């Protein structure tokens, strides 16, 4: 599961944040820098991982196309972070060029970005955007999920959002009846993982992959 930002020159970069400040030795918005400026970033500079300092170890930010090429045997969940048509089309072009249309599930919080992606890449599976999740969750809790239309094949959701518990049997059952997968983020607590597995979650997104 990865997050995809877009540089000023159109290059897609794997990074959660809109800016470089928190996780690299550079600062500023990704969207305002070219790939040439971004590729020199030290992505091991700003935090310890299990007590180990990775600063200066040559850890950089990968391009999305590079990551797909290196791990073409893997299945991916990729989130479009920018809410722009350009980013959505670049995602489509990159996935198609990599021959990965049947191995990547694309999602976004943003309705516009996902609408543009679905139009450009109808062969690639998508998950629900934030508005679709809210509509489906409320409908499922009320027992009328059939009225919540979406081309999505999956949901990536937290346990709870906006006062609605998404880790709820009615929501998972309604999703499964439609053939949709339900994957929860970001789950780092073993007890929460066990609860979600018991509930029937199809996937768990965590910061701590064994």
Protein backbone atom coordinates (compact mmCIF):
# COMPACT_ATOMS: atom_id res chain seq x y z
CA UNK A 1 0.00 0.00 0.00
CA UNK A 2 1.55 3.27 -1.12
CA UNK A 3 0.73 6.96 -1.37
CA UNK A 4 1.53 8.79 -4.60
CA UNK A 5 2.37 12.49 -4.90
CA UNK A 6 3.15 14.39 -8.12
CA UNK A 7 6.16 16.63 -8.65
CA UNK A 8 6.03 19.91 -10.54
CA UNK A 9 7.30 18.23 -13.72
CA UNK A 10 4.68 15.46 -13.56
CA UNK A 11 6.80 12.70 -12.02
CA UNK A 12 4.91 10.49 -9.56
CA UNK A 13 6.70 10.02 -6.24
CA UNK A 14 5.98 7.61 -3.40
CA UNK A 15 5.41 9.79 -0.34
CA UNK A 16 2.60 10.13 2.19
CA UNK A 17 2.91 13.85 2.97
CA UNK A 18 2.29 16.76 0.61
CA UNK A 19 5.61 18.24 1.78
CA UNK A 20 9.13 16.88 2.21
CA UNK A 21 9.68 18.37 5.67
CA UNK A 22 8.64 15.56 8.03
CA UNK A 23 10.33 12.56 6.45
CA UNK A 24 13.35 13.92 4.56
CA UNK A 25 16.16 16.44 4.96
CA UNK A 26 14.48 18.77 2.43
CA UNK A 27 11.56 21.14 2.86
CA UNK A 28 8.73 22.42 0.72
CA UNK A 29 5.78 21.05 -1.22
CA UNK A 30 6.35 18.10 -3.56
CA UNK A 31 4.10 19.77 -6.13
CA UNK A 32 6.41 22.77 -6.26
CA UNK A 33 9.64 20.85 -6.89
CA UNK A 34 10.96 18.96 -9.91
CA UNK A 35 12.11 15.37 -9.71
CA UNK A 36 15.71 16.56 -10.04
CA UNK A 37 15.25 18.51 -6.80
CA UNK A 38 13.44 15.69 -5.02
CA UNK A 39 15.67 12.77 -5.97
CA UNK A 40 18.54 14.09 -3.82
CA UNK A 41 16.41 13.92 -0.65
CA UNK A 42 17.63 11.77 2.24
CA UNK A 43 14.53 9.84 3.28
CA UNK A 44 16.32 8.29 6.24
CA UNK A 45 17.20 11.61 7.84
CA UNK A 46 14.41 12.54 10.19
CA UNK A 47 13.52 9.52 12.30
CA UNK A 48 14.86 6.43 13.98
CA UNK A 49 13.37 3.07 13.06
CA UNK A 50 13.58 0.54 15.90
CA UNK A 51 16.30 2.72 17.37
CA UNK A 52 18.42 2.67 14.21
CA UNK A 53 19.49 5.90 12.48
CA UNK A 54 19.35 5.57 8.68
CA UNK A 55 20.53 9.09 7.85
CA UNK A 56 23.21 9.11 5.17
CA UNK A 57 22.50 5.51 4.12
CA UNK A 58 21.39 6.45 0.62
CA UNK A 59 17.66 5.99 1.21
CA UNK A 60 15.75 8.15 -1.25
CA UNK A 61 12.20 8.62 -2.46
CA UNK A 62 11.28 6.23 -5.27
CA UNK A 63 9.36 7.13 -8.38
CA UNK A 64 6.11 5.21 -8.75
CA UNK A 65 7.17 3.73 -12.09
CA UNK A 66 10.47 2.57 -10.55
CA UNK A 67 8.68 0.85 -7.67
CA UNK A 68 6.29 -0.97 -10.01
CA UNK A 69 9.17 -2.14 -12.19
CA UNK A 70 11.15 -3.47 -9.22
CA UNK A 71 8.18 -5.29 -7.72
CA UNK A 72 6.10 -6.23 -10.73
CA UNK A 73 5.18 -9.57 -9.16
CA UNK A 74 3.41 -7.84 -6.27
CA UNK A 75 -0.16 -6.60 -6.00
CA UNK A 76 -0.50 -2.93 -5.06
CA UNK A 77 -2.92 -0.55 -3.41
CA UNK A 78 -1.99 2.95 -4.60
CA UNK A 79 -3.60 6.16 -3.35
CA UNK A 80 -3.73 9.27 -5.51
CA UNK A 81 -2.89 12.07 -3.08
CA UNK A 82 -3.30 15.20 -5.29
CA UNK A 83 -6.88 16.03 -6.24
CA UNK A 84 -6.03 16.81 -9.86
CA UNK A 85 -6.87 15.39 -13.26
CA UNK A 86 -3.18 15.52 -14.22
CA UNK A 87 -2.18 13.26 -11.33
CA UNK A 88 -5.03 10.85 -12.10
CA UNK A 89 -4.04 10.59 -15.76
CA UNK A 90 -0.36 10.19 -14.85
CA UNK A 91 -1.33 7.29 -12.55
CA UNK A 92 -3.25 5.66 -15.38
CA UNK A 93 -0.40 6.11 -17.85
CA UNK A 94 2.21 4.76 -15.40
CA UNK A 95 0.20 1.67 -14.46
CA UNK A 96 -0.65 0.93 -18.08
CA UNK A 97 2.95 1.38 -19.27
CA UNK A 98 4.13 -1.00 -16.54
CA UNK A 99 1.67 -3.68 -17.69
CA UNK A 100 0.15 -3.69 -14.20
CA UNK A 101 -3.51 -2.92 -14.92
CA UNK A 102 -4.56 -6.20 -13.29
CA UNK A 103 -2.28 -5.84 -10.25
CA UNK A 104 -2.98 -2.34 -8.96
CA UNK A 105 -6.00 -1.16 -6.96
CA UNK A 106 -6.25 2.64 -7.05
CA UNK A 107 -7.95 4.76 -4.44
CA UNK A 108 -8.24 8.37 -3.34
CA UNK A 109 -10.00 10.40 -0.71
CA UNK A 110 -10.94 12.81 -3.49
CA UNK A 111 -13.99 12.35 -5.69
CA UNK A 112 -12.59 14.40 -8.59
CA UNK A 113 -9.26 12.59 -8.75
CA UNK A 114 -10.93 9.18 -8.67
CA UNK A 115 -13.56 10.17 -11.22
CA UNK A 116 -10.83 11.28 -13.64
CA UNK A 117 -8.86 8.08 -13.01
CA UNK A 118 -11.87 5.84 -13.60
CA UNK A 119 -12.61 7.62 -16.87
CA UNK A 120 -9.02 7.30 -18.06
CA UNK A 121 -8.38 3.74 -16.81
CA UNK A 122 -11.64 1.75 -16.71
CA UNK A 123 -9.72 -1.54 -16.71
CA UNK A 124 -8.02 -0.78 -13.38
CA UNK A 125 -9.87 -1.62 -10.16
CA UNK A 126 -10.64 1.23 -7.76
CA UNK A 127 -11.71 1.61 -4.17
CA UNK A 128 -14.29 4.03 -2.79
CA UNK A 129 -13.54 7.70 -2.26
CA UNK A 130 -14.53 9.36 1.01
CA UNK A 131 -18.01 10.38 -0.12
CA UNK A 132 -18.81 6.90 -1.43
CA UNK A 133 -17.67 5.33 1.83
CA UNK A 134 -19.92 7.60 3.89
CA UNK A 135 -22.92 6.92 1.65
CA UNK A 136 -22.36 3.17 1.63
CA UNK A 137 -21.71 2.93 5.38
CA UNK A 138 -24.88 4.82 6.31
CA UNK A 139 -26.94 2.83 3.80
CA UNK A 140 -25.52 -0.46 5.08
CA UNK A 141 -26.26 0.42 8.68
CA UNK A 142 -29.86 1.18 7.61
CA UNK A 143 -30.13 -2.03 5.60
CA UNK A 144 -30.44 -0.30 2.22
CA UNK A 145 -26.90 -0.65 0.86
CA UNK A 146 -28.32 -1.63 -2.55
CA UNK A 147 -29.15 2.05 -3.05
CA UNK A 148 -25.50 3.15 -2.67
CA UNK A 149 -24.08 2.87 -6.19
CA UNK A 150 -20.34 2.73 -6.92
CA UNK A 151 -18.01 1.00 -9.40
CA UNK A 152 -15.52 0.37 -6.58
CA UNK A 153 -14.40 -3.18 -5.75
CA UNK A 154 -12.96 -2.32 -2.33
CA UNK A 155 -12.99 0.04 0.63
CA UNK A 156 -9.94 1.20 2.58
CA UNK A 157 -11.24 2.70 5.80
CA UNK A 158 -10.37 3.44 9.44
CA UNK A 159 -12.23 1.69 12.25
CA UNK A 160 -14.31 4.81 12.76
CA UNK A 161 -14.78 8.10 10.90
CA UNK A 162 -17.03 11.11 11.48
CA UNK A 163 -18.80 9.33 14.31
CA UNK A 164 -19.63 6.29 12.17
CA UNK A 165 -18.16 2.94 13.17
CA UNK A 166 -16.96 1.36 9.95
CA UNK A 167 -15.76 -1.84 11.61
CA UNK A 168 -19.37 -2.98 11.87
CA UNK A 169 -20.85 -6.35 10.84
CA UNK A 170 -23.59 -4.77 8.72
CA UNK A 171 -21.06 -2.79 6.70
CA UNK A 172 -18.74 -5.74 6.13
CA UNK A 173 -21.62 -8.07 5.30
CA UNK A 174 -23.10 -5.56 2.84
CA UNK A 175 -19.71 -5.09 1.19
CA UNK A 176 -19.10 -8.83 0.94
CA UNK A 177 -22.57 -9.41 -0.52
CA UNK A 178 -21.57 -6.99 -3.28
CA UNK A 179 -18.22 -8.74 -3.76
CA UNK A 180 -16.22 -5.85 -2.30
CA UNK A 181 -13.13 -6.21 -0.11
CA UNK A 182 -12.85 -4.20 3.10
CA UNK A 183 -9.36 -3.21 4.27
CA UNK A 184 -8.65 -1.21 7.44
CA UNK A 185 -5.98 1.42 8.13
CA UNK A 186 -3.77 2.23 9.93
CA UNK A 187 -3.86 -0.63 12.43
CA UNK A 188 -0.78 -0.99 14.64
CA UNK A 189 -2.37 -2.53 17.74
CA UNK A 190 -2.37 -6.38 17.81
CA UNK A 191 -5.69 -6.48 19.70
CA UNK A 192 -7.35 -4.31 17.06
CA UNK A 193 -5.88 -6.53 14.34
CA UNK A 194 -7.34 -9.63 16.03
CA UNK A 195 -10.73 -7.94 16.37
CA UNK A 196 -10.82 -6.97 12.69
CA UNK A 197 -9.76 -10.44 11.55
CA UNK A 198 -12.52 -11.96 13.68
CA UNK A 199 -14.98 -9.47 12.17
CA UNK A 200 -14.06 -10.60 8.67
CA UNK A 201 -11.75 -7.84 7.41
CA UNK A 202 -10.15 -8.70 4.05
CA UNK A 203 -6.96 -6.76 4.73
CA UNK A 204 -5.11 -4.71 7.30
CA UNK A 205 -2.81 -1.80 6.49
CA UNK A 206 -0.16 -1.25 9.16
CA UNK A 207 3.07 0.62 9.77
CA UNK A 208 4.64 -2.54 11.20
CA UNK A 209 4.84 -5.22 8.54
CA UNK A 210 6.50 -8.42 9.87
